[in-house]
Amino acid sequence: AQPNATILYSTLAKGPKLPVEYQINSTRHFMR
């Protein structure tokens, strides 16, 4: 980051995402 983190977050955003069913499960586990 020179100086902001946009490069870091935009690169991370290129990765695979969980399907909605798994995102629901993931959010429940994070809350727990």
PDB file of all heavy atoms in Angstrom:
ATOM      1  N   ALA A   1       0.865  -1.178   0.000  1.00  0.00           N
ATOM      2  CA  ALA A   1       0.000   0.000   0.000  1.00  0.00           C
ATOM      3  C   ALA A   1       0.900   1.226   0.000  1.00  0.00           C
ATOM      4  O   ALA A   1       1.697   1.399   0.914  1.00  0.00           O
ATOM      5  CB  ALA A   1      -0.890  -0.004   1.230  1.00  0.00           C
ATOM      6  N   GLN A   2       0.794   2.043  -1.037  1.00  0.00           N
ATOM      7  CA  GLN A   2       1.672   3.199  -1.164  1.00  0.00           C
ATOM      8  C   GLN A   2       0.874   4.440  -1.569  1.00  0.00           C
ATOM      9  O   GLN A   2       0.971   4.884  -2.711  1.00  0.00           O
ATOM     10  CB  GLN A   2       2.757   2.919  -2.212  1.00  0.00           C
ATOM     11  CG  GLN A   2       3.655   1.741  -1.920  1.00  0.00           C
ATOM     12  CD  GLN A   2       4.774   2.081  -0.942  1.00  0.00           C
ATOM     13  OE1 GLN A   2       4.610   2.975  -0.109  1.00  0.00           O
ATOM     14  NE2 GLN A   2       5.885   1.385  -1.015  1.00  0.00           N
ATOM     15  N   PRO A   3       0.082   5.027  -0.705  1.00  0.00           N
ATOM     16  CA  PRO A   3      -0.056   4.740   0.716  1.00  0.00           C
ATOM     17  C   PRO A   3      -1.368   4.044   1.080  1.00  0.00           C
ATOM     18  O   PRO A   3      -1.586   3.734   2.230  1.00  0.00           O
ATOM     19  CB  PRO A   3      -0.067   6.145   1.322  1.00  0.00           C
ATOM     20  CG  PRO A   3      -0.841   6.946   0.307  1.00  0.00           C
ATOM     21  CD  PRO A   3      -0.493   6.360  -1.038  1.00  0.00           C
ATOM     22  N   ASN A   4      -2.300   3.858   0.097  1.00  0.00           N
ATOM     23  CA  ASN A   4      -3.599   3.331   0.516  1.00  0.00           C
ATOM     24  C   ASN A   4      -3.736   1.861   0.161  1.00  0.00           C
ATOM     25  O   ASN A   4      -2.986   1.302  -0.645  1.00  0.00           O
ATOM     26  CB  ASN A   4      -4.753   4.162  -0.058  1.00  0.00           C
ATOM     27  CG  ASN A   4      -4.918   4.007  -1.548  1.00  0.00           C
ATOM     28  OD1 ASN A   4      -5.171   2.906  -2.042  1.00  0.00           O
ATOM     29  ND2 ASN A   4      -4.777   5.106  -2.281  1.00  0.00           N
ATOM     30  N   ALA A   5      -4.727   1.226   0.781  1.00  0.00           N
ATOM     31  CA  ALA A   5      -4.863  -0.230   0.735  1.00  0.00           C
ATOM     32  C   ALA A   5      -5.711  -0.730  -0.426  1.00  0.00           C
ATOM     33  O   ALA A   5      -6.047  -1.910  -0.476  1.00  0.00           O
ATOM     34  CB  ALA A   5      -5.467  -0.718   2.050  1.00  0.00           C
ATOM     35  N   THR A   6      -6.027   0.129  -1.376  1.00  0.00           N
ATOM     36  CA  THR A   6      -6.898  -0.287  -2.476  1.00  0.00           C
ATOM     37  C   THR A   6      -6.326  -1.479  -3.224  1.00  0.00           C
ATOM     38  O   THR A   6      -7.055  -2.417  -3.589  1.00  0.00           O
ATOM     39  CB  THR A   6      -7.131   0.891  -3.437  1.00  0.00           C
ATOM     40  OG1 THR A   6      -7.721   1.979  -2.719  1.00  0.00           O
ATOM     41  CG2 THR A   6      -8.059   0.479  -4.571  1.00  0.00           C
ATOM     42  N   ILE A   7      -5.026  -1.489  -3.464  1.00  0.00           N
ATOM     43  CA  ILE A   7      -4.406  -2.609  -4.184  1.00  0.00           C
ATOM     44  C   ILE A   7      -4.594  -3.924  -3.418  1.00  0.00           C
ATOM     45  O   ILE A   7      -4.789  -4.977  -4.025  1.00  0.00           O
ATOM     46  CB  ILE A   7      -2.902  -2.339  -4.443  1.00  0.00           C
ATOM     47  CG1 ILE A   7      -2.297  -3.475  -5.284  1.00  0.00           C
ATOM     48  CG2 ILE A   7      -2.133  -2.175  -3.137  1.00  0.00           C
ATOM     49  CD1 ILE A   7      -0.849  -3.231  -5.664  1.00  0.00           C
ATOM     50  N   LEU A   8      -4.570  -3.854  -2.110  1.00  0.00           N
ATOM     51  CA  LEU A   8      -4.698  -5.067  -1.304  1.00  0.00           C
ATOM     52  C   LEU A   8      -6.126  -5.605  -1.383  1.00  0.00           C
ATOM     53  O   LEU A   8      -6.351  -6.802  -1.580  1.00  0.00           O
ATOM     54  CB  LEU A   8      -4.321  -4.768   0.144  1.00  0.00           C
ATOM     55  CG  LEU A   8      -3.011  -3.999   0.366  1.00  0.00           C
ATOM     56  CD1 LEU A   8      -2.767  -3.799   1.863  1.00  0.00           C
ATOM     57  CD2 LEU A   8      -1.832  -4.731  -0.274  1.00  0.00           C
ATOM     58  N   TYR A   9      -7.090  -4.710  -1.237  1.00  0.00           N
ATOM     59  CA  TYR A   9      -8.488  -5.146  -1.204  1.00  0.00           C
ATOM     60  C   TYR A   9      -9.000  -5.521  -2.587  1.00  0.00           C
ATOM     61  O   TYR A   9      -9.797  -6.450  -2.725  1.00  0.00           O
ATOM     62  CB  TYR A   9      -9.363  -4.046  -0.591  1.00  0.00           C
ATOM     63  CG  TYR A   9      -9.068  -3.797   0.862  1.00  0.00           C
ATOM     64  CD1 TYR A   9      -9.534  -2.670   1.511  1.00  0.00           C
ATOM     65  CD2 TYR A   9      -8.305  -4.694   1.607  1.00  0.00           C
ATOM     66  CE1 TYR A   9      -9.269  -2.438   2.848  1.00  0.00           C
ATOM     67  CE2 TYR A   9      -8.034  -4.476   2.944  1.00  0.00           C
ATOM     68  CZ  TYR A   9      -8.522  -3.346   3.557  1.00  0.00           C
ATOM     69  OH  TYR A   9      -8.255  -3.124   4.880  1.00  0.00           O
ATOM     70  N   SER A  10      -8.548  -4.808  -3.620  1.00  0.00           N
ATOM     71  CA  SER A  10      -8.998  -5.150  -4.972  1.00  0.00           C
ATOM     72  C   SER A  10      -8.425  -6.494  -5.401  1.00  0.00           C
ATOM     73  O   SER A  10      -9.080  -7.257  -6.125  1.00  0.00           O
ATOM     74  CB  SER A  10      -8.591  -4.058  -5.965  1.00  0.00           C
ATOM     75  OG  SER A  10      -7.181  -3.907  -6.019  1.00  0.00           O
ATOM     76  N   THR A  11      -7.221  -6.817  -4.948  1.00  0.00           N
ATOM     77  CA  THR A  11      -6.641  -8.121  -5.259  1.00  0.00           C
ATOM     78  C   THR A  11      -7.392  -9.228  -4.528  1.00  0.00           C
ATOM     79  O   THR A  11      -7.714 -10.269  -5.114  1.00  0.00           O
ATOM     80  CB  THR A  11      -5.149  -8.148  -4.878  1.00  0.00           C
ATOM     81  OG1 THR A  11      -4.466  -7.089  -5.563  1.00  0.00           O
ATOM     82  CG2 THR A  11      -4.513  -9.483  -5.241  1.00  0.00           C
ATOM     83  N   LEU A  12      -7.694  -9.008  -3.252  1.00  0.00           N
ATOM     84  CA  LEU A  12      -8.448  -9.991  -2.491  1.00  0.00           C
ATOM     85  C   LEU A  12      -9.806 -10.249  -3.134  1.00  0.00           C
ATOM     86  O   LEU A  12     -10.296 -11.393  -3.144  1.00  0.00           O
ATOM     87  CB  LEU A  12      -8.624  -9.499  -1.056  1.00  0.00           C
ATOM     88  CG  LEU A  12      -9.456 -10.375  -0.114  1.00  0.00           C
ATOM     89  CD1 LEU A  12      -8.839 -11.764   0.036  1.00  0.00           C
ATOM     90  CD2 LEU A  12      -9.592  -9.704   1.247  1.00  0.00           C
ATOM     91  N   ALA A  13     -10.414  -9.203  -3.678  1.00  0.00           N
ATOM     92  CA  ALA A  13     -11.745  -9.339  -4.275  1.00  0.00           C
ATOM     93  C   ALA A  13     -11.750 -10.221  -5.521  1.00  0.00           C
ATOM     94  O   ALA A  13     -12.820 -10.644  -5.978  1.00  0.00           O
ATOM     95  CB  ALA A  13     -12.304  -7.955  -4.621  1.00  0.00           C
ATOM     96  N   LYS A  14     -10.590 -10.519  -6.078  1.00  0.00           N
ATOM     97  CA  LYS A  14     -10.506 -11.382  -7.257  1.00  0.00           C
ATOM     98  C   LYS A  14     -10.657 -12.869  -6.908  1.00  0.00           C
ATOM     99  O   LYS A  14     -10.804 -13.699  -7.795  1.00  0.00           O
ATOM    100  CB  LYS A  14      -9.164 -11.172  -7.973  1.00  0.00           C
ATOM    101  CG  LYS A  14      -8.956  -9.772  -8.544  1.00  0.00           C
ATOM    102  CD  LYS A  14      -7.555  -9.633  -9.149  1.00  0.00           C
ATOM    103  CE  LYS A  14      -7.282  -8.216  -9.630  1.00  0.00           C
ATOM    104  NZ  LYS A  14      -8.076  -7.853 -10.823  1.00  0.00           N
ATOM    105  N   GLY A  15     -10.608 -13.192  -5.635  1.00  0.00           N
ATOM    106  CA  GLY A  15     -10.684 -14.589  -5.216  1.00  0.00           C
ATOM    107  C   GLY A  15     -12.096 -15.147  -5.303  1.00  0.00           C
ATOM    108  O   GLY A  15     -13.072 -14.405  -5.412  1.00  0.00           O
ATOM    109  N   PRO A  16     -12.217 -16.486  -5.235  1.00  0.00           N
ATOM    110  CA  PRO A  16     -13.544 -17.115  -5.269  1.00  0.00           C
ATOM    111  C   PRO A  16     -14.396 -16.655  -4.096  1.00  0.00           C
ATOM    112  O   PRO A  16     -13.894 -16.356  -3.012  1.00  0.00           O
ATOM    113  CB  PRO A  16     -13.223 -18.607  -5.161  1.00  0.00           C
ATOM    114  CG  PRO A  16     -11.796 -18.741  -5.587  1.00  0.00           C
ATOM    115  CD  PRO A  16     -11.124 -17.474  -5.172  1.00  0.00           C
ATOM    116  N   LYS A  17     -15.702 -16.618  -4.323  1.00  0.00           N
ATOM    117  CA  LYS A  17     -16.652 -16.258  -3.265  1.00  0.00           C
ATOM    118  C   LYS A  17     -17.478 -17.485  -2.891  1.00  0.00           C
ATOM    119  O   LYS A  17     -17.640 -18.406  -3.681  1.00  0.00           O
ATOM    120  CB  LYS A  17     -17.568 -15.129  -3.734  1.00  0.00           C
ATOM    121  CG  LYS A  17     -16.851 -13.810  -3.973  1.00  0.00           C
ATOM    122  CD  LYS A  17     -17.815 -12.742  -4.464  1.00  0.00           C
ATOM    123  CE  LYS A  17     -17.130 -11.379  -4.563  1.00  0.00           C
ATOM    124  NZ  LYS A  17     -15.962 -11.384  -5.434  1.00  0.00           N
ATOM    125  N   LEU A  18     -17.994 -17.465  -1.682  1.00  0.00           N
ATOM    126  CA  LEU A  18     -18.867 -18.544  -1.254  1.00  0.00           C
ATOM    127  C   LEU A  18     -20.251 -18.375  -1.883  1.00  0.00           C
ATOM    128  O   LEU A  18     -20.732 -17.241  -2.040  1.00  0.00           O
ATOM    129  CB  LEU A  18     -19.021 -18.529   0.270  1.00  0.00           C
ATOM    130  CG  LEU A  18     -17.791 -18.895   1.105  1.00  0.00           C
ATOM    131  CD1 LEU A  18     -18.096 -18.688   2.589  1.00  0.00           C
ATOM    132  CD2 LEU A  18     -17.347 -20.322   0.850  1.00  0.00           C
ATOM    133  N   PRO A  19     -20.928 -19.470  -2.226  1.00  0.00           N
ATOM    134  CA  PRO A  19     -22.318 -19.347  -2.649  1.00  0.00           C
ATOM    135  C   PRO A  19     -23.178 -18.849  -1.495  1.00  0.00           C
ATOM    136  O   PRO A  19     -22.781 -18.938  -0.322  1.00  0.00           O
ATOM    137  CB  PRO A  19     -22.698 -20.774  -3.059  1.00  0.00           C
ATOM    138  CG  PRO A  19     -21.724 -21.653  -2.350  1.00  0.00           C
ATOM    139  CD  PRO A  19     -20.464 -20.859  -2.221  1.00  0.00           C
ATOM    140  N   VAL A  20     -24.361 -18.326  -1.817  1.00  0.00           N
ATOM    141  CA  VAL A  20     -25.198 -17.672  -0.805  1.00  0.00           C
ATOM    142  C   VAL A  20     -25.493 -18.594   0.372  1.00  0.00           C
ATOM    143  O   VAL A  20     -25.433 -18.177   1.539  1.00  0.00           O
ATOM    144  CB  VAL A  20     -26.508 -17.166  -1.446  1.00  0.00           C
ATOM    145  CG1 VAL A  20     -27.468 -16.667  -0.367  1.00  0.00           C
ATOM    146  CG2 VAL A  20     -26.212 -16.040  -2.425  1.00  0.00           C
ATOM    147  N   GLU A  21     -25.786 -19.855   0.115  1.00  0.00           N
ATOM    148  CA  GLU A  21     -26.082 -20.789   1.203  1.00  0.00           C
ATOM    149  C   GLU A  21     -24.914 -20.881   2.184  1.00  0.00           C
ATOM    150  O   GLU A  21     -25.102 -20.923   3.406  1.00  0.00           O
ATOM    151  CB  GLU A  21     -26.385 -22.169   0.626  1.00  0.00           C
ATOM    152  CG  GLU A  21     -26.665 -23.226   1.689  1.00  0.00           C
ATOM    153  CD  GLU A  21     -26.806 -24.630   1.106  1.00  0.00           C
ATOM    154  OE1 GLU A  21     -26.627 -24.788  -0.119  1.00  0.00           O
ATOM    155  OE2 GLU A  21     -27.096 -25.555   1.883  1.00  0.00           O
ATOM    156  N   TYR A  22     -23.704 -20.900   1.644  1.00  0.00           N
ATOM    157  CA  TYR A  22     -22.522 -20.970   2.503  1.00  0.00           C
ATOM    158  C   TYR A  22     -22.258 -19.634   3.197  1.00  0.00           C
ATOM    159  O   TYR A  22     -21.744 -19.602   4.318  1.00  0.00           O
ATOM    160  CB  TYR A  22     -21.301 -21.375   1.689  1.00  0.00           C
ATOM    161  CG  TYR A  22     -21.290 -22.809   1.219  1.00  0.00           C
ATOM    162  CD1 TYR A  22     -22.393 -23.646   1.385  1.00  0.00           C
ATOM    163  CD2 TYR A  22     -20.168 -23.333   0.580  1.00  0.00           C
ATOM    164  CE1 TYR A  22     -22.370 -24.961   0.949  1.00  0.00           C
ATOM    165  CE2 TYR A  22     -20.130 -24.662   0.139  1.00  0.00           C
ATOM    166  CZ  TYR A  22     -21.242 -25.463   0.322  1.00  0.00           C
ATOM    167  OH  TYR A  22     -21.221 -26.770  -0.119  1.00  0.00           O
ATOM    168  N   GLN A  23     -22.586 -18.503   2.544  1.00  0.00           N
ATOM    169  CA  GLN A  23     -22.425 -17.198   3.181  1.00  0.00           C
ATOM    170  C   GLN A  23     -23.349 -17.071   4.398  1.00  0.00           C
ATOM    171  O   GLN A  23     -22.969 -16.478   5.413  1.00  0.00           O
ATOM    172  CB  GLN A  23     -22.722 -16.082   2.182  1.00  0.00           C
ATOM    173  CG  GLN A  23     -21.670 -15.926   1.100  1.00  0.00           C
ATOM    174  CD  GLN A  23     -22.016 -14.815   0.119  1.00  0.00           C
ATOM    175  OE1 GLN A  23     -23.178 -14.421  -0.017  1.00  0.00           O
ATOM    176  NE2 GLN A  23     -21.016 -14.308  -0.575  1.00  0.00           N
ATOM    177  N   ILE A  24     -24.542 -17.627   4.280  1.00  0.00           N
ATOM    178  CA  ILE A  24     -25.469 -17.627   5.415  1.00  0.00           C
ATOM    179  C   ILE A  24     -24.862 -18.428   6.573  1.00  0.00           C
ATOM    180  O   ILE A  24     -24.837 -17.977   7.721  1.00  0.00           O
ATOM    181  CB  ILE A  24     -26.826 -18.217   4.992  1.00  0.00           C
ATOM    182  CG1 ILE A  24     -27.526 -17.260   4.020  1.00  0.00           C
ATOM    183  CG2 ILE A  24     -27.707 -18.505   6.207  1.00  0.00           C
ATOM    184  CD1 ILE A  24     -28.761 -17.845   3.362  1.00  0.00           C
ATOM    185  N   ASN A  25     -24.359 -19.611   6.256  1.00  0.00           N
ATOM    186  CA  ASN A  25     -23.717 -20.456   7.264  1.00  0.00           C
ATOM    187  C   ASN A  25     -22.497 -19.745   7.860  1.00  0.00           C
ATOM    188  O   ASN A  25     -22.285 -19.745   9.078  1.00  0.00           O
ATOM    189  CB  ASN A  25     -23.321 -21.782   6.620  1.00  0.00           C
ATOM    190  CG  ASN A  25     -22.572 -22.702   7.548  1.00  0.00           C
ATOM    191  OD1 ASN A  25     -21.369 -22.551   7.760  1.00  0.00           O
ATOM    192  ND2 ASN A  25     -23.261 -23.697   8.098  1.00  0.00           N
ATOM    193  N   SER A  26     -21.705 -19.116   7.010  1.00  0.00           N
ATOM    194  CA  SER A  26     -20.489 -18.423   7.442  1.00  0.00           C
ATOM    195  C   SER A  26     -20.823 -17.283   8.392  1.00  0.00           C
ATOM    196  O   SER A  26     -20.167 -17.104   9.433  1.00  0.00           O
ATOM    197  CB  SER A  26     -19.751 -17.896   6.209  1.00  0.00           C
ATOM    198  OG  SER A  26     -18.603 -17.172   6.567  1.00  0.00           O
ATOM    199  N   THR A  27     -21.846 -16.511   8.066  1.00  0.00           N
ATOM    200  CA  THR A  27     -22.224 -15.387   8.914  1.00  0.00           C
ATOM    201  C   THR A  27     -22.711 -15.868  10.277  1.00  0.00           C
ATOM    202  O   THR A  27     -22.390 -15.268  11.313  1.00  0.00           O
ATOM    203  CB  THR A  27     -23.308 -14.544   8.220  1.00  0.00           C
ATOM    204  OG1 THR A  27     -22.784 -14.036   6.979  1.00  0.00           O
ATOM    205  CG2 THR A  27     -23.736 -13.374   9.086  1.00  0.00           C
ATOM    206  N   ARG A  28     -23.444 -16.959  10.304  1.00  0.00           N
ATOM    207  CA  ARG A  28     -23.899 -17.510  11.587  1.00  0.00           C
ATOM    208  C   ARG A  28     -22.709 -17.946  12.445  1.00  0.00           C
ATOM    209  O   ARG A  28     -22.692 -17.713  13.665  1.00  0.00           O
ATOM    210  CB  ARG A  28     -24.840 -18.689  11.350  1.00  0.00           C
ATOM    211  CG  ARG A  28     -26.166 -18.313  10.712  1.00  0.00           C
ATOM    212  CD  ARG A  28     -27.104 -19.498  10.644  1.00  0.00           C
ATOM    213  NE  ARG A  28     -27.531 -19.904  11.989  1.00  0.00           N
ATOM    214  CZ  ARG A  28     -28.214 -21.030  12.231  1.00  0.00           C
ATOM    215  NH1 ARG A  28     -28.529 -21.849  11.238  1.00  0.00           N
ATOM    216  NH2 ARG A  28     -28.572 -21.320  13.476  1.00  0.00           N
ATOM    217  N   HIS A  29     -21.709 -18.543  11.812  1.00  0.00           N
ATOM    218  CA  HIS A  29     -20.539 -18.980  12.570  1.00  0.00           C
ATOM    219  C   HIS A  29     -19.721 -17.788  13.069  1.00  0.00           C
ATOM    220  O   HIS A  29     -19.175 -17.831  14.182  1.00  0.00           O
ATOM    221  CB  HIS A  29     -19.679 -19.924  11.734  1.00  0.00           C
ATOM    222  CG  HIS A  29     -20.154 -21.342  11.794  1.00  0.00           C
ATOM    223  ND1 HIS A  29     -19.805 -22.196  12.816  1.00  0.00           N
ATOM    224  CD2 HIS A  29     -20.987 -22.046  10.981  1.00  0.00           C
ATOM    225  CE1 HIS A  29     -20.391 -23.376  12.630  1.00  0.00           C
ATOM    226  NE2 HIS A  29     -21.115 -23.306  11.529  1.00  0.00           N
ATOM    227  N   PHE A  30     -19.648 -16.724  12.269  1.00  0.00           N
ATOM    228  CA  PHE A  30     -18.891 -15.562  12.726  1.00  0.00           C
ATOM    229  C   PHE A  30     -19.607 -14.894  13.894  1.00  0.00           C
ATOM    230  O   PHE A  30     -18.966 -14.473  14.872  1.00  0.00           O
ATOM    231  CB  PHE A  30     -18.682 -14.575  11.576  1.00  0.00           C
ATOM    232  CG  PHE A  30     -17.754 -13.437  11.921  1.00  0.00           C
ATOM    233  CD1 PHE A  30     -16.635 -13.647  12.726  1.00  0.00           C
ATOM    234  CD2 PHE A  30     -17.977 -12.166  11.450  1.00  0.00           C
ATOM    235  CE1 PHE A  30     -15.764 -12.605  13.046  1.00  0.00           C
ATOM    236  CE2 PHE A  30     -17.125 -11.115  11.757  1.00  0.00           C
ATOM    237  CZ  PHE A  30     -16.020 -11.335  12.557  1.00  0.00           C
ATOM    238  N   MET A  31     -20.917 -14.790  13.817  1.00  0.00           N
ATOM    239  CA  MET A  31     -21.653 -14.225  14.956  1.00  0.00           C
ATOM    240  C   MET A  31     -21.451 -15.075  16.202  1.00  0.00           C
ATOM    241  O   MET A  31     -21.254 -14.542  17.299  1.00  0.00           O
ATOM    242  CB  MET A  31     -23.136 -14.106  14.613  1.00  0.00           C
ATOM    243  CG  MET A  31     -23.472 -13.037  13.595  1.00  0.00           C
ATOM    244  SD  MET A  31     -25.253 -12.737  13.419  1.00  0.00           S
ATOM    245  CE  MET A  31     -25.810 -14.314  12.771  1.00  0.00           C
ATOM    246  N   ARG A  32     -21.487 -16.382  16.056  1.00  0.00           N
ATOM    247  CA  ARG A  32     -21.284 -17.251  17.217  1.00  0.00           C
ATOM    248  C   ARG A  32     -19.861 -17.093  17.761  1.00  0.00           C
ATOM    249  O   ARG A  32     -19.646 -17.175  18.981  1.00  0.00           O
ATOM    250  CB  ARG A  32     -21.555 -18.710  16.842  1.00  0.00           C
ATOM    251  CG  ARG A  32     -21.480 -19.680  18.010  1.00  0.00           C
ATOM    252  CD  ARG A  32     -22.603 -19.484  19.018  1.00  0.00           C
ATOM    253  NE  ARG A  32     -23.903 -19.832  18.481  1.00  0.00           N
ATOM    254  CZ  ARG A  32     -24.449 -21.038  18.568  1.00  0.00           C
ATOM    255  NH1 ARG A  32     -23.817 -22.026  19.176  1.00  0.00           N
ATOM    256  NH2 ARG A  32     -25.654 -21.251  18.071  1.00  0.00           N
TER     257      ARG A  32
END
